[in-house]
Amino acid sequence: MNENKILKENVLKLVNRNDLSISGVNKVISFSPTQIILVALDCEIQITGEQMQTTKLDETNGELVVQGLINSIKWNEKKEKVGLIKRIFK
């Protein structure tokens, strides 16, 4: 394991499908009232819903708070980029 890598927690809290808070957020890729895409630790998270709005975004602490109707939350593992040489000599 890499000793230099700082590990953080990724905590997601959803209350009544209306109040969502996420910690461990590295960056928000896109945001609209119906979809949010963000990177949290090593995963991309896609949130879909209706009338979503950000009530708090703290980039230094990696916290995001969203209000609105949350329909789905999907995690996508980041795929490691494989170079051309590795694909050839697989």
N, C-alpha and C. Protein backbone atom coordinates (compact mmCIF):
# COMPACT_ATOMS: atom_id res chain seq x y z
N MET A 1 0.84 -1.18 0.00
CA MET A 1 0.00 0.00 0.00
C MET A 1 0.88 1.24 0.00
N ASN A 2 0.47 2.26 -0.71
CA ASN A 2 1.23 3.48 -0.81
C ASN A 2 1.12 4.27 0.50
N GLU A 3 2.25 4.49 1.15
CA GLU A 3 2.27 5.18 2.44
C GLU A 3 1.97 6.67 2.29
N ASN A 4 2.24 7.26 1.11
CA ASN A 4 2.05 8.69 0.91
C ASN A 4 0.60 9.08 0.66
N LYS A 5 -0.23 8.13 0.31
CA LYS A 5 -1.62 8.42 -0.01
C LYS A 5 -2.41 8.65 1.28
N ILE A 6 -3.10 9.79 1.34
CA ILE A 6 -3.91 10.12 2.50
C ILE A 6 -5.31 9.55 2.28
N LEU A 7 -5.75 8.69 3.19
CA LEU A 7 -7.05 8.07 3.06
C LEU A 7 -8.09 8.92 3.78
N LYS A 8 -9.23 9.11 3.15
CA LYS A 8 -10.35 9.84 3.73
C LYS A 8 -11.56 8.94 3.70
N GLU A 9 -12.53 9.32 4.45
CA GLU A 9 -13.81 8.60 4.41
C GLU A 9 -14.71 9.24 3.37
N ASN A 10 -15.56 8.42 2.82
CA ASN A 10 -16.60 8.88 1.92
C ASN A 10 -17.92 8.53 2.59
N VAL A 11 -18.60 9.55 3.13
CA VAL A 11 -19.85 9.33 3.84
C VAL A 11 -20.97 9.97 3.05
N LEU A 12 -22.02 9.20 2.82
CA LEU A 12 -23.19 9.68 2.11
C LEU A 12 -24.39 9.53 3.03
N LYS A 13 -25.13 10.62 3.21
CA LYS A 13 -26.31 10.59 4.08
C LYS A 13 -27.49 11.15 3.29
N LEU A 14 -28.55 10.35 3.18
CA LEU A 14 -29.76 10.75 2.47
C LEU A 14 -30.94 10.67 3.43
N VAL A 15 -31.65 11.77 3.59
CA VAL A 15 -32.78 11.84 4.50
C VAL A 15 -34.05 12.10 3.68
N ASN A 16 -34.99 11.16 3.74
CA ASN A 16 -36.30 11.28 3.09
C ASN A 16 -36.21 11.63 1.60
N ARG A 17 -35.16 11.18 0.95
CA ARG A 17 -34.93 11.44 -0.48
C ARG A 17 -34.88 12.92 -0.83
N ASN A 18 -34.76 13.80 0.17
CA ASN A 18 -34.77 15.24 -0.10
C ASN A 18 -33.49 15.96 0.31
N ASP A 19 -32.81 15.47 1.31
CA ASP A 19 -31.61 16.11 1.82
C ASP A 19 -30.44 15.14 1.72
N LEU A 20 -29.46 15.47 0.88
CA LEU A 20 -28.31 14.61 0.64
C LEU A 20 -27.04 15.34 1.04
N SER A 21 -26.21 14.67 1.84
CA SER A 21 -24.90 15.23 2.17
C SER A 21 -23.84 14.18 1.87
N ILE A 22 -22.75 14.62 1.25
CA ILE A 22 -21.66 13.73 0.85
C ILE A 22 -20.36 14.35 1.32
N SER A 23 -19.50 13.52 1.94
CA SER A 23 -18.16 13.98 2.30
C SER A 23 -17.15 13.19 1.48
N GLY A 24 -15.93 13.70 1.40
CA GLY A 24 -14.90 13.06 0.60
C GLY A 24 -14.95 13.44 -0.86
N VAL A 25 -15.62 14.56 -1.17
CA VAL A 25 -15.77 15.01 -2.55
C VAL A 25 -14.49 15.70 -3.00
N ASN A 26 -13.92 15.23 -4.12
CA ASN A 26 -12.73 15.85 -4.69
C ASN A 26 -13.08 17.00 -5.62
N LYS A 27 -14.07 16.77 -6.50
CA LYS A 27 -14.51 17.85 -7.39
C LYS A 27 -15.89 17.54 -7.95
N VAL A 28 -16.61 18.59 -8.32
CA VAL A 28 -17.90 18.46 -8.97
C VAL A 28 -17.66 18.67 -10.46
N ILE A 29 -17.99 17.65 -11.25
CA ILE A 29 -17.77 17.71 -12.70
C ILE A 29 -18.87 18.50 -13.39
N SER A 30 -20.13 18.19 -13.06
CA SER A 30 -21.25 18.93 -13.64
C SER A 30 -22.41 18.97 -12.65
N PHE A 31 -23.23 20.00 -12.82
CA PHE A 31 -24.37 20.16 -11.92
C PHE A 31 -25.51 20.80 -12.68
N SER A 32 -26.69 20.20 -12.57
CA SER A 32 -27.92 20.78 -13.11
C SER A 32 -29.05 20.40 -12.14
N PRO A 33 -30.22 20.97 -12.29
CA PRO A 33 -31.33 20.62 -11.40
C PRO A 33 -31.77 19.15 -11.48
N THR A 34 -31.33 18.43 -12.53
CA THR A 34 -31.74 17.03 -12.70
C THR A 34 -30.59 16.04 -12.58
N GLN A 35 -29.33 16.50 -12.63
CA GLN A 35 -28.20 15.57 -12.57
C GLN A 35 -26.96 16.25 -11.99
N ILE A 36 -26.26 15.51 -11.12
CA ILE A 36 -24.98 15.95 -10.57
C ILE A 36 -23.98 14.83 -10.81
N ILE A 37 -22.80 15.19 -11.31
CA ILE A 37 -21.72 14.24 -11.47
C ILE A 37 -20.53 14.78 -10.71
N LEU A 38 -19.98 13.94 -9.81
CA LEU A 38 -18.86 14.38 -8.99
C LEU A 38 -17.87 13.25 -8.80
N VAL A 39 -16.68 13.60 -8.35
CA VAL A 39 -15.65 12.62 -8.04
C VAL A 39 -15.45 12.66 -6.53
N ALA A 40 -15.59 11.49 -5.90
CA ALA A 40 -15.40 11.35 -4.45
C ALA A 40 -14.43 10.20 -4.23
N LEU A 41 -13.28 10.52 -3.68
CA LEU A 41 -12.20 9.57 -3.49
C LEU A 41 -11.86 8.94 -4.83
N ASP A 42 -12.01 7.66 -5.00
CA ASP A 42 -11.64 7.02 -6.27
C ASP A 42 -12.84 6.66 -7.13
N CYS A 43 -14.00 7.23 -6.86
CA CYS A 43 -15.20 6.88 -7.61
C CYS A 43 -15.86 8.12 -8.21
N GLU A 44 -16.51 7.90 -9.34
CA GLU A 44 -17.37 8.93 -9.90
C GLU A 44 -18.78 8.62 -9.43
N ILE A 45 -19.48 9.62 -8.93
CA ILE A 45 -20.84 9.43 -8.43
C ILE A 45 -21.78 10.27 -9.28
N GLN A 46 -22.84 9.62 -9.76
CA GLN A 46 -23.85 10.29 -10.57
C GLN A 46 -25.16 10.30 -9.78
N ILE A 47 -25.70 11.48 -9.56
CA ILE A 47 -26.94 11.64 -8.79
C ILE A 47 -27.99 12.23 -9.73
N THR A 48 -29.14 11.58 -9.81
CA THR A 48 -30.22 12.11 -10.63
C THR A 48 -31.41 12.41 -9.73
N GLY A 49 -32.19 13.41 -10.14
CA GLY A 49 -33.34 13.81 -9.35
C GLY A 49 -34.08 14.95 -10.02
N GLU A 50 -34.84 15.67 -9.20
CA GLU A 50 -35.64 16.78 -9.68
C GLU A 50 -35.46 17.97 -8.76
N GLN A 51 -35.37 19.14 -9.35
CA GLN A 51 -35.26 20.41 -8.61
C GLN A 51 -34.13 20.37 -7.58
N MET A 52 -33.00 19.78 -7.94
CA MET A 52 -31.87 19.71 -7.02
C MET A 52 -31.12 21.03 -7.02
N GLN A 53 -30.69 21.44 -5.85
CA GLN A 53 -29.88 22.64 -5.71
C GLN A 53 -28.86 22.44 -4.60
N THR A 54 -27.70 23.04 -4.80
CA THR A 54 -26.63 22.94 -3.81
C THR A 54 -26.89 23.94 -2.70
N THR A 55 -26.88 23.46 -1.46
CA THR A 55 -27.01 24.38 -0.33
C THR A 55 -25.67 24.60 0.35
N LYS A 56 -24.69 23.70 0.09
CA LYS A 56 -23.35 23.87 0.65
C LYS A 56 -22.35 23.13 -0.22
N LEU A 57 -21.27 23.81 -0.56
CA LEU A 57 -20.15 23.19 -1.25
C LEU A 57 -18.88 23.70 -0.60
N ASP A 58 -18.21 22.85 0.16
CA ASP A 58 -16.98 23.19 0.85
C ASP A 58 -15.84 22.41 0.21
N GLU A 59 -15.11 23.06 -0.68
CA GLU A 59 -14.05 22.37 -1.42
C GLU A 59 -12.87 22.01 -0.54
N THR A 60 -12.58 22.80 0.47
CA THR A 60 -11.43 22.50 1.33
C THR A 60 -11.66 21.25 2.17
N ASN A 61 -12.88 21.03 2.63
CA ASN A 61 -13.20 19.85 3.44
C ASN A 61 -13.87 18.75 2.63
N GLY A 62 -14.17 19.01 1.37
CA GLY A 62 -14.77 18.00 0.50
C GLY A 62 -16.20 17.65 0.86
N GLU A 63 -16.99 18.65 1.23
CA GLU A 63 -18.38 18.41 1.61
C GLU A 63 -19.34 19.03 0.61
N LEU A 64 -20.40 18.29 0.29
CA LEU A 64 -21.45 18.77 -0.60
C LEU A 64 -22.79 18.45 0.02
N VAL A 65 -23.68 19.44 0.04
CA VAL A 65 -25.04 19.25 0.54
C VAL A 65 -26.00 19.67 -0.56
N VAL A 66 -26.95 18.79 -0.87
CA VAL A 66 -27.91 19.01 -1.95
C VAL A 66 -29.32 18.84 -1.40
N GLN A 67 -30.23 19.71 -1.86
CA GLN A 67 -31.65 19.56 -1.53
C GLN A 67 -32.43 19.41 -2.83
N GLY A 68 -33.48 18.62 -2.79
CA GLY A 68 -34.31 18.34 -3.94
C GLY A 68 -34.69 16.87 -3.91
N LEU A 69 -35.51 16.45 -4.84
CA LEU A 69 -35.95 15.06 -4.89
C LEU A 69 -34.87 14.20 -5.53
N ILE A 70 -34.28 13.27 -4.77
CA ILE A 70 -33.22 12.40 -5.26
C ILE A 70 -33.87 11.11 -5.78
N ASN A 71 -33.64 10.79 -7.06
CA ASN A 71 -34.20 9.57 -7.66
C ASN A 71 -33.21 8.42 -7.67
N SER A 72 -31.92 8.71 -7.93
CA SER A 72 -30.94 7.62 -7.97
C SER A 72 -29.54 8.15 -7.67
N ILE A 73 -28.73 7.23 -7.15
CA ILE A 73 -27.31 7.50 -6.89
C ILE A 73 -26.55 6.32 -7.46
N LYS A 74 -25.60 6.60 -8.35
CA LYS A 74 -24.87 5.53 -9.03
C LYS A 74 -23.36 5.78 -8.89
N TRP A 75 -22.64 4.74 -8.49
CA TRP A 75 -21.19 4.80 -8.35
C TRP A 75 -20.56 4.16 -9.58
N ASN A 76 -19.58 4.83 -10.16
CA ASN A 76 -18.82 4.30 -11.28
C ASN A 76 -17.35 4.29 -10.88
N GLU A 77 -16.75 3.10 -10.81
CA GLU A 77 -15.33 3.01 -10.48
C GLU A 77 -14.53 3.66 -11.59
N LYS A 78 -13.53 4.42 -11.22
CA LYS A 78 -12.64 5.01 -12.22
C LYS A 78 -11.80 3.91 -12.83
N LYS A 79 -11.77 3.87 -14.14
CA LYS A 79 -10.99 2.86 -14.83
C LYS A 79 -9.58 3.38 -15.03
N GLU A 80 -8.63 2.51 -14.77
CA GLU A 80 -7.23 2.88 -14.95
C GLU A 80 -6.93 2.94 -16.45
N LYS A 81 -6.29 4.04 -16.86
CA LYS A 81 -5.94 4.17 -18.27
C LYS A 81 -4.80 3.22 -18.59
N VAL A 82 -4.99 2.47 -19.66
CA VAL A 82 -3.99 1.50 -20.08
C VAL A 82 -3.36 2.00 -21.37
N GLY A 83 -2.04 2.06 -21.38
CA GLY A 83 -1.32 2.54 -22.55
C GLY A 83 -1.35 1.55 -23.69
N LEU A 84 -0.95 2.02 -24.85
CA LEU A 84 -0.95 1.21 -26.06
C LEU A 84 -0.03 0.00 -25.92
N ILE A 85 1.13 0.17 -25.34
CA ILE A 85 2.09 -0.95 -25.19
C ILE A 85 1.51 -2.04 -24.29
N LYS A 86 0.85 -1.66 -23.21
CA LYS A 86 0.26 -2.66 -22.31
C LYS A 86 -0.86 -3.42 -23.01
N ARG A 87 -1.65 -2.74 -23.85
CA ARG A 87 -2.72 -3.43 -24.55
C ARG A 87 -2.17 -4.41 -25.57
N ILE A 88 -1.08 -4.05 -26.24
CA ILE A 88 -0.49 -4.92 -27.25
C ILE A 88 0.10 -6.18 -26.62
N PHE A 89 0.84 -6.00 -25.50
CA PHE A 89 1.53 -7.11 -24.87
C PHE A 89 0.76 -7.69 -23.69
N LYS A 90 -0.53 -7.67 -23.77
CA LYS A 90 -1.41 -8.16 -22.70
C LYS A 90 -1.26 -9.64 -22.47
